Full PDB file with SEQRES, HELIX, SHEET, SSBOND, CRYST1, ORIGX, SCALE, CONECT and MASTER records, all heavy atoms in Angstrom:
SEQRES   1 A   32  PRO GLY GLN GLN ARG GLU TRP VAL GLY SER ILE ILE ILE          
SEQRES   2 A   32  GLY GLY ASN THR ASN TYR ALA ASN SER VAL LYS GLY ARG          
SEQRES   3 A   32  PHE THR ASN SER ARG ASP                                      
SHEET    1 AA1 2 GLY A   9  ILE A  11  0                                        
SHEET    2 AA1 2 THR A  17  TYR A  19 -1                                        
CRYST1    1.000    1.000    1.000  90.00  90.00  90.00 P 1           1          
ORIGX1      1.000000  0.000000  0.000000        0.00000                         
ORIGX2      0.000000  1.000000  0.000000        0.00000                         
ORIGX3      0.000000  0.000000  1.000000        0.00000                         
SCALE1      1.000000  0.000000  0.000000        0.00000                         
SCALE2      0.000000  1.000000  0.000000        0.00000                         
SCALE3      0.000000  0.000000  1.000000        0.00000                         
ATOM      1  N   PRO A   1       0.818  -1.213   0.002  1.00  0.00           N  
ATOM      2  CA  PRO A   1      -0.002  -0.002   0.003  1.00  0.00           C  
ATOM      3  C   PRO A   1       0.856   1.265  -0.004  1.00  0.00           C  
ATOM      4  O   PRO A   1       1.792   1.398   0.799  1.00  0.00           O  
ATOM      5  CB  PRO A   1      -0.818  -0.126   1.285  1.00  0.00           C  
ATOM      6  CG  PRO A   1      -0.892  -1.592   1.538  1.00  0.00           C  
ATOM      7  CD  PRO A   1       0.433  -2.133   1.091  1.00  0.00           C  
ATOM      8  N   GLY A   2       0.543   2.182  -0.903  1.00  0.00           N  
ATOM      9  CA  GLY A   2       1.245   3.446  -0.977  1.00  0.00           C  
ATOM     10  C   GLY A   2       2.622   3.388  -1.590  1.00  0.00           C  
ATOM     11  O   GLY A   2       3.340   4.395  -1.572  1.00  0.00           O  
ATOM     12  N   GLN A   3       3.024   2.244  -2.121  1.00  0.00           N  
ATOM     13  CA  GLN A   3       4.356   2.086  -2.697  1.00  0.00           C  
ATOM     14  C   GLN A   3       4.274   1.648  -4.149  1.00  0.00           C  
ATOM     15  O   GLN A   3       3.256   1.151  -4.614  1.00  0.00           O  
ATOM     16  CB  GLN A   3       5.180   1.074  -1.887  1.00  0.00           C  
ATOM     17  CG  GLN A   3       5.385   1.456  -0.441  1.00  0.00           C  
ATOM     18  CD  GLN A   3       6.294   0.485   0.296  1.00  0.00           C  
ATOM     19  OE1 GLN A   3       6.938  -0.365  -0.326  1.00  0.00           O  
ATOM     20  NE2 GLN A   3       6.350   0.604   1.599  1.00  0.00           N  
ATOM     21  N   GLN A   4       5.381   1.856  -4.857  1.00  0.00           N  
ATOM     22  CA  GLN A   4       5.464   1.420  -6.239  1.00  0.00           C  
ATOM     23  C   GLN A   4       5.625  -0.089  -6.328  1.00  0.00           C  
ATOM     24  O   GLN A   4       6.085  -0.745  -5.384  1.00  0.00           O  
ATOM     25  CB  GLN A   4       6.626   2.114  -6.947  1.00  0.00           C  
ATOM     26  CG  GLN A   4       6.473   3.607  -7.115  1.00  0.00           C  
ATOM     27  CD  GLN A   4       7.615   4.217  -7.888  1.00  0.00           C  
ATOM     28  OE1 GLN A   4       8.736   3.707  -7.876  1.00  0.00           O  
ATOM     29  NE2 GLN A   4       7.344   5.318  -8.580  1.00  0.00           N  
ATOM     30  N   ARG A   5       5.253  -0.640  -7.463  1.00  0.00           N  
ATOM     31  CA  ARG A   5       5.438  -2.049  -7.706  1.00  0.00           C  
ATOM     32  C   ARG A   5       6.925  -2.386  -7.738  1.00  0.00           C  
ATOM     33  O   ARG A   5       7.724  -1.661  -8.326  1.00  0.00           O  
ATOM     34  CB  ARG A   5       4.776  -2.460  -9.022  1.00  0.00           C  
ATOM     35  CG  ARG A   5       4.775  -3.957  -9.272  1.00  0.00           C  
ATOM     36  CD  ARG A   5       3.981  -4.288 -10.516  1.00  0.00           C  
ATOM     37  NE  ARG A   5       4.571  -3.697 -11.703  1.00  0.00           N  
ATOM     38  CZ  ARG A   5       3.941  -3.580 -12.873  1.00  0.00           C  
ATOM     39  NH1 ARG A   5       2.686  -4.001 -12.999  1.00  0.00           N  
ATOM     40  NH2 ARG A   5       4.574  -3.032 -13.902  1.00  0.00           N  
ATOM     41  N   GLU A   6       7.286  -3.481  -7.099  1.00  0.00           N  
ATOM     42  CA  GLU A   6       8.672  -3.892  -6.942  1.00  0.00           C  
ATOM     43  C   GLU A   6       8.882  -5.265  -7.545  1.00  0.00           C  
ATOM     44  O   GLU A   6       8.104  -6.188  -7.294  1.00  0.00           O  
ATOM     45  CB  GLU A   6       9.035  -3.913  -5.450  1.00  0.00           C  
ATOM     46  CG  GLU A   6      10.421  -4.436  -5.137  1.00  0.00           C  
ATOM     47  CD  GLU A   6      10.642  -4.656  -3.646  1.00  0.00           C  
ATOM     48  OE1 GLU A   6       9.643  -4.821  -2.911  1.00  0.00           O  
ATOM     49  OE2 GLU A   6      11.804  -4.654  -3.207  1.00  0.00           O  
ATOM     50  N   TRP A   7       9.928  -5.410  -8.323  1.00  0.00           N  
ATOM     51  CA  TRP A   7      10.330  -6.710  -8.811  1.00  0.00           C  
ATOM     52  C   TRP A   7      10.916  -7.540  -7.670  1.00  0.00           C  
ATOM     53  O   TRP A   7      11.747  -7.055  -6.898  1.00  0.00           O  
ATOM     54  CB  TRP A   7      11.359  -6.557  -9.929  1.00  0.00           C  
ATOM     55  CG  TRP A   7      11.986  -7.836 -10.366  1.00  0.00           C  
ATOM     56  CD1 TRP A   7      11.430  -8.828 -11.114  1.00  0.00           C  
ATOM     57  CD2 TRP A   7      13.320  -8.265 -10.078  1.00  0.00           C  
ATOM     58  NE1 TRP A   7      12.328  -9.854 -11.313  1.00  0.00           N  
ATOM     59  CE2 TRP A   7      13.500  -9.525 -10.690  1.00  0.00           C  
ATOM     60  CE3 TRP A   7      14.386  -7.699  -9.369  1.00  0.00           C  
ATOM     61  CZ2 TRP A   7      14.694 -10.248 -10.614  1.00  0.00           C  
ATOM     62  CZ3 TRP A   7      15.580  -8.404  -9.303  1.00  0.00           C  
ATOM     63  CH2 TRP A   7      15.725  -9.653  -9.913  1.00  0.00           C  
ATOM     64  N   VAL A   8      10.482  -8.790  -7.559  1.00  0.00           N  
ATOM     65  CA  VAL A   8      10.912  -9.670  -6.479  1.00  0.00           C  
ATOM     66  C   VAL A   8      11.946 -10.682  -6.949  1.00  0.00           C  
ATOM     67  O   VAL A   8      12.983 -10.864  -6.318  1.00  0.00           O  
ATOM     68  CB  VAL A   8       9.703 -10.396  -5.862  1.00  0.00           C  
ATOM     69  CG1 VAL A   8      10.149 -11.411  -4.807  1.00  0.00           C  
ATOM     70  CG2 VAL A   8       8.716  -9.400  -5.254  1.00  0.00           C  
ATOM     71  N   GLY A   9      11.649 -11.372  -8.041  1.00  0.00           N  
ATOM     72  CA  GLY A   9      12.556 -12.387  -8.542  1.00  0.00           C  
ATOM     73  C   GLY A   9      12.074 -12.947  -9.853  1.00  0.00           C  
ATOM     74  O   GLY A   9      10.913 -12.782 -10.227  1.00  0.00           O  
ATOM     75  N   SER A  10      12.980 -13.634 -10.557  1.00  0.00           N  
ATOM     76  CA  SER A  10      12.678 -14.209 -11.852  1.00  0.00           C  
ATOM     77  C   SER A  10      13.352 -15.558 -11.990  1.00  0.00           C  
ATOM     78  O   SER A  10      14.391 -15.816 -11.361  1.00  0.00           O  
ATOM     79  CB  SER A  10      13.140 -13.306 -12.992  1.00  0.00           C  
ATOM     80  OG  SER A  10      12.564 -12.024 -12.926  1.00  0.00           O  
ATOM     81  N   ILE A  11      12.769 -16.389 -12.823  1.00  0.00           N  
ATOM     82  CA  ILE A  11      13.394 -17.637 -13.239  1.00  0.00           C  
ATOM     83  C   ILE A  11      13.170 -17.764 -14.728  1.00  0.00           C  
ATOM     84  O   ILE A  11      12.060 -17.601 -15.233  1.00  0.00           O  
ATOM     85  CB  ILE A  11      12.846 -18.833 -12.443  1.00  0.00           C  
ATOM     86  CG1 ILE A  11      13.574 -20.124 -12.846  1.00  0.00           C  
ATOM     87  CG2 ILE A  11      11.347 -18.975 -12.580  1.00  0.00           C  
ATOM     88  CD1 ILE A  11      13.316 -21.269 -11.873  1.00  0.00           C  
ATOM     89  N   ILE A  12      14.248 -18.047 -15.455  1.00  0.00           N  
ATOM     90  CA  ILE A  12      14.174 -18.100 -16.911  1.00  0.00           C  
ATOM     91  C   ILE A  12      14.202 -19.543 -17.373  1.00  0.00           C  
ATOM     92  O   ILE A  12      14.432 -20.475 -16.594  1.00  0.00           O  
ATOM     93  CB  ILE A  12      15.316 -17.298 -17.563  1.00  0.00           C  
ATOM     94  CG1 ILE A  12      16.676 -17.932 -17.244  1.00  0.00           C  
ATOM     95  CG2 ILE A  12      15.280 -15.852 -17.095  1.00  0.00           C  
ATOM     96  CD1 ILE A  12      17.828 -17.283 -17.989  1.00  0.00           C  
ATOM     97  N   ILE A  13      13.937 -19.719 -18.657  1.00  0.00           N  
ATOM     98  CA  ILE A  13      14.003 -21.051 -19.232  1.00  0.00           C  
ATOM     99  C   ILE A  13      15.408 -21.609 -19.016  1.00  0.00           C  
ATOM    100  O   ILE A  13      16.408 -20.924 -19.203  1.00  0.00           O  
ATOM    101  CB  ILE A  13      13.613 -21.013 -20.720  1.00  0.00           C  
ATOM    102  CG1 ILE A  13      13.386 -22.416 -21.262  1.00  0.00           C  
ATOM    103  CG2 ILE A  13      14.644 -20.251 -21.545  1.00  0.00           C  
ATOM    104  CD1 ILE A  13      12.710 -22.416 -22.624  1.00  0.00           C  
ATOM    105  N   GLY A  14      15.475 -22.851 -18.547  1.00  0.00           N  
ATOM    106  CA  GLY A  14      16.738 -23.428 -18.144  1.00  0.00           C  
ATOM    107  C   GLY A  14      16.961 -23.418 -16.649  1.00  0.00           C  
ATOM    108  O   GLY A  14      17.820 -24.159 -16.157  1.00  0.00           O  
ATOM    109  N   GLY A  15      16.225 -22.575 -15.921  1.00  0.00           N  
ATOM    110  CA  GLY A  15      16.226 -22.640 -14.473  1.00  0.00           C  
ATOM    111  C   GLY A  15      17.038 -21.595 -13.732  1.00  0.00           C  
ATOM    112  O   GLY A  15      17.009 -21.567 -12.500  1.00  0.00           O  
ATOM    113  N   ASN A  16      17.775 -20.720 -14.429  1.00  0.00           N  
ATOM    114  CA  ASN A  16      18.549 -19.699 -13.733  1.00  0.00           C  
ATOM    115  C   ASN A  16      17.618 -18.698 -13.051  1.00  0.00           C  
ATOM    116  O   ASN A  16      16.584 -18.312 -13.601  1.00  0.00           O  
ATOM    117  CB  ASN A  16      19.469 -18.964 -14.699  1.00  0.00           C  
ATOM    118  CG  ASN A  16      20.628 -19.821 -15.147  1.00  0.00           C  
ATOM    119  OD1 ASN A  16      20.953 -20.818 -14.505  1.00  0.00           O  
ATOM    120  ND2 ASN A  16      21.258 -19.433 -16.240  1.00  0.00           N  
ATOM    121  N   THR A  17      18.006 -18.249 -11.869  1.00  0.00           N  
ATOM    122  CA  THR A  17      17.177 -17.367 -11.063  1.00  0.00           C  
ATOM    123  C   THR A  17      17.904 -16.087 -10.721  1.00  0.00           C  
ATOM    124  O   THR A  17      19.144 -16.029 -10.684  1.00  0.00           O  
ATOM    125  CB  THR A  17      16.744 -18.043  -9.752  1.00  0.00           C  
ATOM    126  OG1 THR A  17      17.903 -18.449  -9.015  1.00  0.00           O  
ATOM    127  CG2 THR A  17      15.873 -19.253 -10.038  1.00  0.00           C  
ATOM    128  N   ASN A  18      17.115 -15.031 -10.462  1.00  0.00           N  
ATOM    129  CA  ASN A  18      17.611 -13.747  -9.986  1.00  0.00           C  
ATOM    130  C   ASN A  18      16.630 -13.210  -8.969  1.00  0.00           C  
ATOM    131  O   ASN A  18      15.417 -13.435  -9.092  1.00  0.00           O  
ATOM    132  CB  ASN A  18      17.792 -12.743 -11.120  1.00  0.00           C  
ATOM    133  CG  ASN A  18      18.908 -13.113 -12.065  1.00  0.00           C  
ATOM    134  OD1 ASN A  18      20.078 -12.921 -11.758  1.00  0.00           O  
ATOM    135  ND2 ASN A  18      18.555 -13.665 -13.223  1.00  0.00           N  
ATOM    136  N   TYR A  19      17.132 -12.466  -7.980  1.00  0.00           N  
ATOM    137  CA  TYR A  19      16.308 -11.971  -6.891  1.00  0.00           C  
ATOM    138  C   TYR A  19      16.656 -10.540  -6.544  1.00  0.00           C  
ATOM    139  O   TYR A  19      17.800 -10.096  -6.685  1.00  0.00           O  
ATOM    140  CB  TYR A  19      16.483 -12.823  -5.634  1.00  0.00           C  
ATOM    141  CG  TYR A  19      16.157 -14.274  -5.828  1.00  0.00           C  
ATOM    142  CD1 TYR A  19      17.157 -15.190  -6.117  1.00  0.00           C  
ATOM    143  CD2 TYR A  19      14.849 -14.729  -5.732  1.00  0.00           C  
ATOM    144  CE1 TYR A  19      16.863 -16.526  -6.306  1.00  0.00           C  
ATOM    145  CE2 TYR A  19      14.551 -16.059  -5.926  1.00  0.00           C  
ATOM    146  CZ  TYR A  19      15.559 -16.962  -6.207  1.00  0.00           C  
ATOM    147  OH  TYR A  19      15.258 -18.284  -6.390  1.00  0.00           O  
ATOM    148  N   ALA A  20      15.642  -9.820  -6.050  1.00  0.00           N  
ATOM    149  CA  ALA A  20      15.892  -8.519  -5.456  1.00  0.00           C  
ATOM    150  C   ALA A  20      16.705  -8.683  -4.181  1.00  0.00           C  
ATOM    151  O   ALA A  20      16.585  -9.684  -3.463  1.00  0.00           O  
ATOM    152  CB  ALA A  20      14.579  -7.807  -5.161  1.00  0.00           C  
ATOM    153  N   ASN A  21      17.533  -7.693  -3.882  1.00  0.00           N  
ATOM    154  CA  ASN A  21      18.362  -7.776  -2.683  1.00  0.00           C  
ATOM    155  C   ASN A  21      17.530  -7.932  -1.408  1.00  0.00           C  
ATOM    156  O   ASN A  21      17.972  -8.582  -0.451  1.00  0.00           O  
ATOM    157  CB  ASN A  21      19.250  -6.546  -2.566  1.00  0.00           C  
ATOM    158  CG  ASN A  21      20.362  -6.535  -3.591  1.00  0.00           C  
ATOM    159  OD1 ASN A  21      20.804  -7.582  -4.057  1.00  0.00           O  
ATOM    160  ND2 ASN A  21      20.830  -5.346  -3.942  1.00  0.00           N  
ATOM    161  N   SER A  22      16.333  -7.379  -1.397  1.00  0.00           N  
ATOM    162  CA  SER A  22      15.509  -7.406  -0.209  1.00  0.00           C  
ATOM    163  C   SER A  22      15.017  -8.810   0.149  1.00  0.00           C  
ATOM    164  O   SER A  22      14.600  -9.039   1.292  1.00  0.00           O  
ATOM    165  CB  SER A  22      14.307  -6.469  -0.376  1.00  0.00           C  
ATOM    166  OG  SER A  22      13.533  -6.835  -1.501  1.00  0.00           O  
ATOM    167  N   VAL A  23      15.061  -9.745  -0.807  1.00  0.00           N  
ATOM    168  CA  VAL A  23      14.552 -11.094  -0.553  1.00  0.00           C  
ATOM    169  C   VAL A  23      15.599 -12.171  -0.732  1.00  0.00           C  
ATOM    170  O   VAL A  23      15.298 -13.354  -0.479  1.00  0.00           O  
ATOM    171  CB  VAL A  23      13.326 -11.401  -1.431  1.00  0.00           C  
ATOM    172  CG1 VAL A  23      12.255 -10.341  -1.256  1.00  0.00           C  
ATOM    173  CG2 VAL A  23      13.727 -11.548  -2.896  1.00  0.00           C  
ATOM    174  N   LYS A  24      16.812 -11.826  -1.142  1.00  0.00           N  
ATOM    175  CA  LYS A  24      17.847 -12.829  -1.346  1.00  0.00           C  
ATOM    176  C   LYS A  24      18.101 -13.608  -0.056  1.00  0.00           C  
ATOM    177  O   LYS A  24      18.192 -13.034   1.022  1.00  0.00           O  
ATOM    178  CB  LYS A  24      19.145 -12.173  -1.808  1.00  0.00           C  
ATOM    179  CG  LYS A  24      19.168 -11.790  -3.270  1.00  0.00           C  
ATOM    180  CD  LYS A  24      20.520 -11.197  -3.649  1.00  0.00           C  
ATOM    181  CE  LYS A  24      20.560 -10.840  -5.130  1.00  0.00           C  
ATOM    182  NZ  LYS A  24      21.856 -10.218  -5.506  1.00  0.00           N  
ATOM    183  N   GLY A  25      18.204 -14.915  -0.205  1.00  0.00           N  
ATOM    184  CA  GLY A  25      18.430 -15.774   0.938  1.00  0.00           C  
ATOM    185  C   GLY A  25      17.175 -16.197   1.656  1.00  0.00           C  
ATOM    186  O   GLY A  25      17.241 -17.100   2.503  1.00  0.00           O  
ATOM    187  N   ARG A  26      16.050 -15.561   1.354  1.00  0.00           N  
ATOM    188  CA  ARG A  26      14.786 -15.889   2.004  1.00  0.00           C  
ATOM    189  C   ARG A  26      13.748 -16.450   1.036  1.00  0.00           C  
ATOM    190  O   ARG A  26      12.956 -17.321   1.411  1.00  0.00           O  
ATOM    191  CB  ARG A  26      14.203 -14.658   2.701  1.00  0.00           C  
ATOM    192  CG  ARG A  26      15.098 -14.071   3.782  1.00  0.00           C  
ATOM    193  CD  ARG A  26      14.390 -12.984   4.574  1.00  0.00           C  
ATOM    194  NE  ARG A  26      14.002 -11.854   3.734  1.00  0.00           N  
ATOM    195  CZ  ARG A  26      12.751 -11.463   3.533  1.00  0.00           C  
ATOM    196  NH1 ARG A  26      11.736 -12.098   4.117  1.00  0.00           N  
ATOM    197  NH2 ARG A  26      12.493 -10.415   2.761  1.00  0.00           N  
ATOM    198  N   PHE A  27      13.729 -15.949  -0.197  1.00  0.00           N  
ATOM    199  CA  PHE A  27      12.752 -16.372  -1.204  1.00  0.00           C  
ATOM    200  C   PHE A  27      13.441 -17.227  -2.256  1.00  0.00           C  
ATOM    201  O   PHE A  27      14.613 -16.985  -2.597  1.00  0.00           O  
ATOM    202  CB  PHE A  27      12.114 -15.175  -1.899  1.00  0.00           C  
ATOM    203  CG  PHE A  27      11.189 -14.347  -1.041  1.00  0.00           C  
ATOM    204  CD1 PHE A  27      11.104 -14.533   0.335  1.00  0.00           C  
ATOM    205  CD2 PHE A  27      10.400 -13.375  -1.636  1.00  0.00           C  
ATOM    206  CE1 PHE A  27      10.257 -13.767   1.115  1.00  0.00           C  
ATOM    207  CE2 PHE A  27       9.549 -12.593  -0.864  1.00  0.00           C  
ATOM    208  CZ  PHE A  27       9.475 -12.791   0.506  1.00  0.00           C  
ATOM    209  N   THR A  28      12.706 -18.192  -2.805  1.00  0.00           N  
ATOM    210  CA  THR A  28      13.252 -19.076  -3.827  1.00  0.00           C  
ATOM    211  C   THR A  28      12.225 -19.287  -4.931  1.00  0.00           C  
ATOM    212  O   THR A  28      11.088 -19.676  -4.662  1.00  0.00           O  
ATOM    213  CB  THR A  28      13.652 -20.443  -3.247  1.00  0.00           C  
ATOM    214  OG1 THR A  28      14.605 -20.261  -2.194  1.00  0.00           O  
ATOM    215  CG2 THR A  28      14.273 -21.316  -4.336  1.00  0.00           C  
ATOM    216  N   ASN A  29      12.637 -19.036  -6.170  1.00  0.00           N  
ATOM    217  CA  ASN A  29      11.816 -19.340  -7.344  1.00  0.00           C  
ATOM    218  C   ASN A  29      12.100 -20.745  -7.840  1.00  0.00           C  
ATOM    219  O   ASN A  29      13.257 -21.191  -7.833  1.00  0.00           O  
ATOM    220  CB  ASN A  29      12.104 -18.356  -8.479  1.00  0.00           C  
ATOM    221  CG  ASN A  29      11.348 -17.057  -8.372  1.00  0.00           C  
ATOM    222  OD1 ASN A  29      10.140 -17.056  -8.160  1.00  0.00           O  
ATOM    223  ND2 ASN A  29      12.062 -15.949  -8.528  1.00  0.00           N  
ATOM    224  N   SER A  30      11.063 -21.412  -8.284  1.00  0.00           N  
ATOM    225  CA  SER A  30      11.220 -22.676  -8.978  1.00  0.00           C  
ATOM    226  C   SER A  30      10.118 -22.793 -10.015  1.00  0.00           C  
ATOM    227  O   SER A  30       9.111 -22.099  -9.946  1.00  0.00           O  
ATOM    228  CB  SER A  30      11.194 -23.861  -8.007  1.00  0.00           C  
ATOM    229  OG  SER A  30       9.942 -23.942  -7.341  1.00  0.00           O  
ATOM    230  N   ARG A  31      10.308 -23.672 -10.983  1.00  0.00           N  
ATOM    231  CA  ARG A  31       9.309 -23.832 -12.030  1.00  0.00           C  
ATOM    232  C   ARG A  31       9.135 -25.285 -12.398  1.00  0.00           C  
ATOM    233  O   ARG A  31      10.071 -26.086 -12.356  1.00  0.00           O  
ATOM    234  CB  ARG A  31       9.658 -22.995 -13.274  1.00  0.00           C  
ATOM    235  CG  ARG A  31      10.980 -23.330 -13.948  1.00  0.00           C  
ATOM    236  CD  ARG A  31      11.332 -22.282 -15.020  1.00  0.00           C  
ATOM    237  NE  ARG A  31      10.469 -22.377 -16.187  1.00  0.00           N  
ATOM    238  CZ  ARG A  31      10.459 -21.486 -17.188  1.00  0.00           C  
ATOM    239  NH1 ARG A  31      11.252 -20.420 -17.138  1.00  0.00           N  
ATOM    240  NH2 ARG A  31       9.656 -21.648 -18.224  1.00  0.00           N  
ATOM    241  N   ASP A  32       7.910 -25.622 -12.744  1.00  0.00           N  
ATOM    242  CA  ASP A  32       7.539 -26.931 -13.240  1.00  0.00           C  
ATOM    243  C   ASP A  32       7.143 -26.726 -14.688  1.00  0.00           C  
ATOM    244  O   ASP A  32       6.013 -26.337 -14.991  1.00  0.00           O  
ATOM    245  CB  ASP A  32       6.394 -27.510 -12.417  1.00  0.00           C  
ATOM    246  CG  ASP A  32       5.943 -28.865 -12.906  1.00  0.00           C  
ATOM    247  OD1 ASP A  32       6.460 -29.358 -13.924  1.00  0.00           O  
ATOM    248  OD2 ASP A  32       5.056 -29.459 -12.246  1.00  0.00           O  
TER     249      ASP A  32                                                      
MASTER        0    0    0    0    2    0    0    6  248    1    0    3          
END                                                                             
């Protein structure tokens, strides 16, 4: 609320992941 939309993390084809610094080490992306 009251804040801009923030990118959290991504996972690309092949499985490589990237995360925002605010969630690194706490959040994990995976894909089926």
